[in-house]
Amino acid sequence: MQMRILLIEDEPLLGEAVATHLKRAHAVDWLQSFEDGAEAMRTVSYDLLLLDLNLPDGDGIDLVRQVRTSSQQLPVIVITARDQVRHRVEGLNAGADDYVVKPFDLEELSARIQAVQRRAIAMPAPRQTIGSLSVDLTTRKVWRGDEEVLLTAREWALIECLVHRVGTIVPKSRLEEVLYAFGAEIESNAVEVYVSRLRKKLGSDAIRTLRGLGYRMDR
């Protein structure tokens, strides 16, 4: 699938090589400064950011943090000469999806882009609308209409499991595993108990029971 990629790299030879290589399969905007890159992201919707950290007018790590504190769900791959472990940890902790150390092979970069793209496609949107419900997977909040619904940790865990598989039957055994993850023994009817509680909070039709098969949430 073709993507629109923003490449922020101030080294002319490397920037040109990466842009030329990626343009075989994608649309690429190549910019060479922190401010130009930040401005581009304010006006254009990109599918991926390729970012050098050592920019002439700023540290790319700060740009990664800006992306992650905004509403953008933008995959970020850092490309940098900073090769120490602490630098990689800093980049990943700031929110980068991958970290590529210079010098690198262009085909390897393409493979890493494809891997990040696959993960992004597989990941559901953080804000899901399911019937009359709105579920935010990032903030772990649920609204029924305009009213926020307060859930316990276990209730949220079940909802999260169902939302990740919306439209698909989730076996009772899988929901039991979710409850077991809290480290305490659960009763044999724990799933039924929690589903009943959730229906009282979210609506009787929020979760469907398919006898002998499991449970499902439908849009």
C-alpha atoms as a PDB file:
ATOM      1  CA  MET A   1       0.000   0.000   0.000  1.00  0.00           C
ATOM      2  CA  GLN A   2       1.398   3.382  -0.978  1.00  0.00           C
ATOM      3  CA  MET A   3       1.988   5.815   1.865  1.00  0.00           C
ATOM      4  CA  ARG A   4       2.702   9.504   2.108  1.00  0.00           C
ATOM      5  CA  ILE A   5       5.975   9.720   4.014  1.00  0.00           C
ATOM      6  CA  LEU A   6       7.594  12.755   5.599  1.00  0.00           C
ATOM      7  CA  LEU A   7      11.393  12.469   5.624  1.00  0.00           C
ATOM      8  CA  ILE A   8      13.235  14.974   7.826  1.00  0.00           C
ATOM      9  CA  GLU A   9      16.971  14.617   7.171  1.00  0.00           C
ATOM     10  CA  ASP A  10      19.518  17.455   6.870  1.00  0.00           C
ATOM     11  CA  GLU A  11      22.326  15.445   5.217  1.00  0.00           C
ATOM     12  CA  PRO A  12      21.834  16.162   1.478  1.00  0.00           C
ATOM     13  CA  LEU A  13      23.386  12.976   0.091  1.00  0.00           C
ATOM     14  CA  LEU A  14      21.593  10.647   2.517  1.00  0.00           C
ATOM     15  CA  GLY A  15      18.308  12.520   2.256  1.00  0.00           C
ATOM     16  CA  GLU A  16      18.361  12.368  -1.539  1.00  0.00           C
ATOM     17  CA  ALA A  17      19.278   8.661  -1.518  1.00  0.00           C
ATOM     18  CA  VAL A  18      16.484   7.734   0.919  1.00  0.00           C
ATOM     19  CA  ALA A  19      13.885   9.897  -0.849  1.00  0.00           C
ATOM     20  CA  THR A  20      14.789   8.519  -4.291  1.00  0.00           C
ATOM     21  CA  HIS A  21      14.679   4.937  -3.023  1.00  0.00           C
ATOM     22  CA  LEU A  22      11.322   5.296  -1.270  1.00  0.00           C
ATOM     23  CA  LYS A  23       9.682   7.174  -4.152  1.00  0.00           C
ATOM     24  CA  ARG A  24       9.660   3.895  -6.071  1.00  0.00           C
ATOM     25  CA  ALA A  25       6.725   2.821  -3.919  1.00  0.00           C
ATOM     26  CA  HIS A  26       5.570   5.854  -1.921  1.00  0.00           C
ATOM     27  CA  ALA A  27       4.972   9.593  -2.023  1.00  0.00           C
ATOM     28  CA  VAL A  28       7.805  11.290  -0.139  1.00  0.00           C
ATOM     29  CA  ASP A  29       8.205  14.858   1.128  1.00  0.00           C
ATOM     30  CA  TRP A  30      11.831  15.515   2.066  1.00  0.00           C
ATOM     31  CA  LEU A  31      12.567  18.420   4.402  1.00  0.00           C
ATOM     32  CA  GLN A  32      15.781  19.350   6.158  1.00  0.00           C
ATOM     33  CA  SER A  33      14.889  21.170   9.372  1.00  0.00           C
ATOM     34  CA  PHE A  34      12.901  20.729  12.590  1.00  0.00           C
ATOM     35  CA  GLU A  35      10.670  23.750  11.966  1.00  0.00           C
ATOM     36  CA  ASP A  36       9.896  22.872   8.341  1.00  0.00           C
ATOM     37  CA  GLY A  37       8.998  19.348   9.403  1.00  0.00           C
ATOM     38  CA  ALA A  38       6.783  20.510  12.252  1.00  0.00           C
ATOM     39  CA  GLU A  39       5.008  22.961   9.941  1.00  0.00           C
ATOM     40  CA  ALA A  40       4.469  20.261   7.310  1.00  0.00           C
ATOM     41  CA  MET A  41       2.810  17.984   9.862  1.00  0.00           C
ATOM     42  CA  ARG A  42       0.444  20.785  10.850  1.00  0.00           C
ATOM     43  CA  THR A  43      -0.826  21.114   7.294  1.00  0.00           C
ATOM     44  CA  VAL A  44      -0.465  17.655   5.720  1.00  0.00           C
ATOM     45  CA  SER A  45      -1.713  14.237   6.854  1.00  0.00           C
ATOM     46  CA  TYR A  46       1.177  11.771   6.661  1.00  0.00           C
ATOM     47  CA  ASP A  47       1.211   7.998   7.033  1.00  0.00           C
ATOM     48  CA  LEU A  48       4.779   7.759   8.361  1.00  0.00           C
ATOM     49  CA  LEU A  49       7.536  10.005   9.708  1.00  0.00           C
ATOM     50  CA  LEU A  50      11.211   9.208   9.026  1.00  0.00           C
ATOM     51  CA  LEU A  51      13.185  11.446  11.334  1.00  0.00           C
ATOM     52  CA  ASP A  52      16.855  12.284  11.868  1.00  0.00           C
ATOM     53  CA  LEU A  53      17.591  13.366  15.438  1.00  0.00           C
ATOM     54  CA  ASN A  54      20.525  15.737  14.822  1.00  0.00           C
ATOM     55  CA  LEU A  55      18.783  18.593  13.029  1.00  0.00           C
ATOM     56  CA  PRO A  56      20.316  22.068  12.595  1.00  0.00           C
ATOM     57  CA  ASP A  57      17.512  23.829  14.480  1.00  0.00           C
ATOM     58  CA  GLY A  58      16.400  21.281  17.060  1.00  0.00           C
ATOM     59  CA  ASP A  59      16.540  17.788  18.509  1.00  0.00           C
ATOM     60  CA  GLY A  60      14.364  15.264  16.707  1.00  0.00           C
ATOM     61  CA  ILE A  61      13.485  13.636  20.040  1.00  0.00           C
ATOM     62  CA  ASP A  62      11.454  16.742  20.847  1.00  0.00           C
ATOM     63  CA  LEU A  63       9.547  16.331  17.593  1.00  0.00           C
ATOM     64  CA  VAL A  64       8.778  12.701  18.453  1.00  0.00           C
ATOM     65  CA  ARG A  65       7.390  13.861  21.794  1.00  0.00           C
ATOM     66  CA  GLN A  66       5.266  16.506  20.057  1.00  0.00           C
ATOM     67  CA  VAL A  67       3.771  13.872  17.791  1.00  0.00           C
ATOM     68  CA  ARG A  68       2.968  11.576  20.701  1.00  0.00           C
ATOM     69  CA  THR A  69       1.354  14.307  22.814  1.00  0.00           C
ATOM     70  CA  SER A  70      -0.826  15.400  19.896  1.00  0.00           C
ATOM     71  CA  SER A  71      -3.865  13.552  18.571  1.00  0.00           C
ATOM     72  CA  GLN A  72      -1.835  12.150  15.664  1.00  0.00           C
ATOM     73  CA  GLN A  73      -1.482   8.380  15.448  1.00  0.00           C
ATOM     74  CA  LEU A  74       1.597   8.715  13.257  1.00  0.00           C
ATOM     75  CA  PRO A  75       4.167   5.916  13.039  1.00  0.00           C
ATOM     76  CA  VAL A  76       7.698   7.268  13.586  1.00  0.00           C
ATOM     77  CA  ILE A  77      10.998   5.686  12.560  1.00  0.00           C
ATOM     78  CA  VAL A  78      14.125   7.409  13.856  1.00  0.00           C
ATOM     79  CA  ILE A  79      17.208   7.366  11.606  1.00  0.00           C
ATOM     80  CA  THR A  80      20.314   8.599  13.386  1.00  0.00           C
ATOM     81  CA  ALA A  81      24.022   8.264  14.010  1.00  0.00           C
ATOM     82  CA  ARG A  82      23.388   8.062  17.774  1.00  0.00           C
ATOM     83  CA  ASP A  83      24.219   4.402  18.277  1.00  0.00           C
ATOM     84  CA  GLN A  84      24.533   3.974  22.029  1.00  0.00           C
ATOM     85  CA  VAL A  85      21.942   1.905  23.858  1.00  0.00           C
ATOM     86  CA  ARG A  86      20.863   4.865  25.991  1.00  0.00           C
ATOM     87  CA  HIS A  87      20.092   6.833  22.836  1.00  0.00           C
ATOM     88  CA  ARG A  88      17.936   4.011  21.496  1.00  0.00           C
ATOM     89  CA  VAL A  89      16.121   3.729  24.799  1.00  0.00           C
ATOM     90  CA  GLU A  90      15.497   7.480  24.833  1.00  0.00           C
ATOM     91  CA  GLY A  91      14.113   7.421  21.303  1.00  0.00           C
ATOM     92  CA  LEU A  92      11.810   4.477  21.932  1.00  0.00           C
ATOM     93  CA  ASN A  93      10.651   5.875  25.268  1.00  0.00           C
ATOM     94  CA  ALA A  94       9.833   9.165  23.564  1.00  0.00           C
ATOM     95  CA  GLY A  95       7.452   7.244  21.316  1.00  0.00           C
ATOM     96  CA  ALA A  96       9.391   6.138  18.237  1.00  0.00           C
ATOM     97  CA  ASP A  97       8.149   2.907  16.663  1.00  0.00           C
ATOM     98  CA  ASP A  98      11.581   1.891  15.397  1.00  0.00           C
ATOM     99  CA  TYR A  99      15.180   3.097  15.564  1.00  0.00           C
ATOM    100  CA  VAL A 100      17.615   2.722  12.657  1.00  0.00           C
ATOM    101  CA  VAL A 101      21.301   3.522  13.136  1.00  0.00           C
ATOM    102  CA  LYS A 102      23.369   5.062  10.343  1.00  0.00           C
ATOM    103  CA  PRO A 103      24.794   3.812   8.109  1.00  0.00           C
ATOM    104  CA  PHE A 104      21.943   1.521   7.060  1.00  0.00           C
ATOM    105  CA  ASP A 105      20.933  -0.461   4.005  1.00  0.00           C
ATOM    106  CA  LEU A 106      18.087   1.083   2.017  1.00  0.00           C
ATOM    107  CA  GLU A 107      16.400  -2.285   1.529  1.00  0.00           C
ATOM    108  CA  GLU A 108      16.488  -2.872   5.285  1.00  0.00           C
ATOM    109  CA  LEU A 109      14.882   0.548   5.785  1.00  0.00           C
ATOM    110  CA  SER A 110      12.115  -0.431   3.363  1.00  0.00           C
ATOM    111  CA  ALA A 111      11.556  -3.664   5.297  1.00  0.00           C
ATOM    112  CA  ARG A 112      11.326  -1.770   8.583  1.00  0.00           C
ATOM    113  CA  ILE A 113       8.824   0.654   7.045  1.00  0.00           C
ATOM    114  CA  GLN A 114       6.682  -2.263   5.909  1.00  0.00           C
ATOM    115  CA  ALA A 115       6.833  -3.819   9.386  1.00  0.00           C
ATOM    116  CA  VAL A 116       5.742  -0.570  11.059  1.00  0.00           C
ATOM    117  CA  GLN A 117       3.007  -0.168   8.461  1.00  0.00           C
ATOM    118  CA  ARG A 118       1.665  -3.660   9.187  1.00  0.00           C
ATOM    119  CA  ARG A 119       1.571  -2.934  12.910  1.00  0.00           C
ATOM    120  CA  ALA A 120      -0.231   0.361  12.319  1.00  0.00           C
ATOM    121  CA  ILE A 121      -2.863  -1.331  10.139  1.00  0.00           C
ATOM    122  CA  ALA A 122      -3.390  -4.075  12.710  1.00  0.00           C
ATOM    123  CA  MET A 123      -3.806  -1.601  15.550  1.00  0.00           C
ATOM    124  CA  PRO A 124      -7.375  -0.361  16.018  1.00  0.00           C
ATOM    125  CA  ALA A 125      -8.088   3.348  16.098  1.00  0.00           C
ATOM    126  CA  PRO A 126      -7.753   4.635  19.673  1.00  0.00           C
ATOM    127  CA  ARG A 127     -11.305   6.049  19.669  1.00  0.00           C
ATOM    128  CA  GLN A 128     -13.975   3.520  18.723  1.00  0.00           C
ATOM    129  CA  THR A 129     -17.691   4.110  18.204  1.00  0.00           C
ATOM    130  CA  ILE A 130     -19.740   1.003  18.910  1.00  0.00           C
ATOM    131  CA  GLY A 131     -23.476   1.536  18.790  1.00  0.00           C
ATOM    132  CA  SER A 132     -24.294   4.246  21.343  1.00  0.00           C
ATOM    133  CA  LEU A 133     -20.908   3.800  23.018  1.00  0.00           C
ATOM    134  CA  SER A 134     -17.654   5.648  22.500  1.00  0.00           C
ATOM    135  CA  VAL A 135     -14.531   3.851  23.719  1.00  0.00           C
ATOM    136  CA  ASP A 136     -11.110   5.473  23.984  1.00  0.00           C
ATOM    137  CA  LEU A 137      -8.429   2.780  24.132  1.00  0.00           C
ATOM    138  CA  THR A 138      -5.724   5.320  24.985  1.00  0.00           C
ATOM    139  CA  THR A 139      -7.323   7.021  27.979  1.00  0.00           C
ATOM    140  CA  ARG A 140      -9.337   3.913  28.939  1.00  0.00           C
ATOM    141  CA  LYS A 141     -12.609   5.779  29.074  1.00  0.00           C
ATOM    142  CA  VAL A 142     -16.096   4.827  27.913  1.00  0.00           C
ATOM    143  CA  TRP A 143     -19.043   7.085  27.155  1.00  0.00           C
ATOM    144  CA  ARG A 144     -22.675   6.105  26.718  1.00  0.00           C
ATOM    145  CA  GLY A 145     -23.999   8.918  24.619  1.00  0.00           C
ATOM    146  CA  ASP A 146     -22.596  12.058  26.263  1.00  0.00           C
ATOM    147  CA  GLU A 147     -22.206  10.510  29.707  1.00  0.00           C
ATOM    148  CA  GLU A 148     -18.962   8.953  30.834  1.00  0.00           C
ATOM    149  CA  VAL A 149     -19.345   5.470  32.313  1.00  0.00           C
ATOM    150  CA  LEU A 150     -17.050   4.581  35.193  1.00  0.00           C
ATOM    151  CA  LEU A 151     -15.653   1.048  34.986  1.00  0.00           C
ATOM    152  CA  THR A 152     -13.585  -1.048  37.352  1.00  0.00           C
ATOM    153  CA  ALA A 153     -10.217  -2.355  36.173  1.00  0.00           C
ATOM    154  CA  ARG A 154     -11.655  -5.806  35.418  1.00  0.00           C
ATOM    155  CA  GLU A 155     -14.697  -4.396  33.642  1.00  0.00           C
ATOM    156  CA  TRP A 156     -12.409  -2.287  31.481  1.00  0.00           C
ATOM    157  CA  ALA A 157     -10.189  -5.297  30.731  1.00  0.00           C
ATOM    158  CA  LEU A 158     -13.176  -7.220  29.373  1.00  0.00           C
ATOM    159  CA  ILE A 159     -14.397  -4.271  27.305  1.00  0.00           C
ATOM    160  CA  GLU A 160     -10.918  -3.722  25.879  1.00  0.00           C
ATOM    161  CA  CYS A 161     -10.691  -7.386  24.867  1.00  0.00           C
ATOM    162  CA  LEU A 162     -14.081  -7.234  23.138  1.00  0.00           C
ATOM    163  CA  VAL A 163     -13.379  -3.894  21.425  1.00  0.00           C
ATOM    164  CA  HIS A 164     -10.123  -5.197  19.954  1.00  0.00           C
ATOM    165  CA  ARG A 165     -12.211  -7.956  18.366  1.00  0.00           C
ATOM    166  CA  VAL A 166     -15.381  -5.983  17.615  1.00  0.00           C
ATOM    167  CA  GLY A 167     -17.715  -7.927  15.344  1.00  0.00           C
ATOM    168  CA  THR A 168     -15.933 -11.176  16.221  1.00  0.00           C
ATOM    169  CA  ILE A 169     -16.982 -13.826  18.740  1.00  0.00           C
ATOM    170  CA  VAL A 170     -14.657 -13.894  21.747  1.00  0.00           C
ATOM    171  CA  PRO A 171     -14.708 -17.278  23.526  1.00  0.00           C
ATOM    172  CA  LYS A 172     -15.560 -17.321  27.214  1.00  0.00           C
ATOM    173  CA  SER A 173     -12.171 -18.952  27.865  1.00  0.00           C
ATOM    174  CA  ARG A 174     -10.388 -15.886  26.460  1.00  0.00           C
ATOM    175  CA  LEU A 175     -12.336 -13.556  28.759  1.00  0.00           C
ATOM    176  CA  GLU A 176     -11.523 -15.835  31.695  1.00  0.00           C
ATOM    177  CA  GLU A 177      -7.822 -15.452  30.848  1.00  0.00           C
ATOM    178  CA  VAL A 178      -8.258 -11.674  30.960  1.00  0.00           C
ATOM    179  CA  LEU A 179      -9.748 -11.900  34.454  1.00  0.00           C
ATOM    180  CA  TYR A 180      -7.119 -14.392  35.640  1.00  0.00           C
ATOM    181  CA  ALA A 181      -4.443 -11.872  34.613  1.00  0.00           C
ATOM    182  CA  PHE A 182      -5.308  -9.842  37.714  1.00  0.00           C
ATOM    183  CA  GLY A 183      -3.667 -12.537  39.820  1.00  0.00           C
ATOM    184  CA  ALA A 184      -6.617 -13.613  41.963  1.00  0.00           C
ATOM    185  CA  GLU A 185      -8.799 -16.690  41.781  1.00  0.00           C
ATOM    186  CA  ILE A 186     -12.088 -16.198  39.990  1.00  0.00           C
ATOM    187  CA  GLU A 187     -15.366 -18.064  40.225  1.00  0.00           C
ATOM    188  CA  SER A 188     -16.500 -20.306  37.378  1.00  0.00           C
ATOM    189  CA  ASN A 189     -19.281 -17.840  36.544  1.00  0.00           C
ATOM    190  CA  ALA A 190     -17.060 -14.723  36.777  1.00  0.00           C
ATOM    191  CA  VAL A 191     -17.414 -13.872  33.081  1.00  0.00           C
ATOM    192  CA  GLU A 192     -21.207 -13.997  33.288  1.00  0.00           C
ATOM    193  CA  VAL A 193     -21.140 -11.812  36.410  1.00  0.00           C
ATOM    194  CA  TYR A 194     -18.947  -9.143  34.826  1.00  0.00           C
ATOM    195  CA  VAL A 195     -20.835  -9.183  31.524  1.00  0.00           C
ATOM    196  CA  SER A 196     -24.056  -8.665  33.494  1.00  0.00           C
ATOM    197  CA  ARG A 197     -22.513  -5.700  35.320  1.00  0.00           C
ATOM    198  CA  LEU A 198     -21.341  -4.203  32.045  1.00  0.00           C
ATOM    199  CA  ARG A 199     -24.782  -4.547  30.482  1.00  0.00           C
ATOM    200  CA  LYS A 200     -26.286  -2.631  33.397  1.00  0.00           C
ATOM    201  CA  LYS A 201     -23.799   0.188  32.815  1.00  0.00           C
ATOM    202  CA  LEU A 202     -23.597   0.175  29.032  1.00  0.00           C
ATOM    203  CA  GLY A 203     -26.986  -1.102  27.934  1.00  0.00           C
ATOM    204  CA  SER A 204     -28.556  -4.540  27.688  1.00  0.00           C
ATOM    205  CA  ASP A 205     -27.597  -4.868  24.011  1.00  0.00           C
ATOM    206  CA  ALA A 206     -23.982  -3.692  24.397  1.00  0.00           C
ATOM    207  CA  ILE A 207     -22.632  -7.253  24.606  1.00  0.00           C
ATOM    208  CA  ARG A 208     -24.259 -10.182  22.849  1.00  0.00           C
ATOM    209  CA  THR A 209     -24.158 -13.717  24.203  1.00  0.00           C
ATOM    210  CA  LEU A 210     -23.834 -16.491  21.648  1.00  0.00           C
ATOM    211  CA  ARG A 211     -24.585 -19.619  23.625  1.00  0.00           C
ATOM    212  CA  GLY A 212     -21.862 -22.230  23.440  1.00  0.00           C
ATOM    213  CA  LEU A 213     -19.617 -19.867  21.466  1.00  0.00           C
ATOM    214  CA  GLY A 214     -18.844 -16.756  23.475  1.00  0.00           C
ATOM    215  CA  TYR A 215     -19.526 -13.010  23.481  1.00  0.00           C
ATOM    216  CA  ARG A 216     -19.464 -10.265  20.896  1.00  0.00           C
ATOM    217  CA  MET A 217     -19.745  -6.490  20.568  1.00  0.00           C
ATOM    218  CA  ASP A 218     -21.227  -5.192  17.315  1.00  0.00           C
ATOM    219  CA  ARG A 219     -21.017  -1.786  15.723  1.00  0.00           C
END
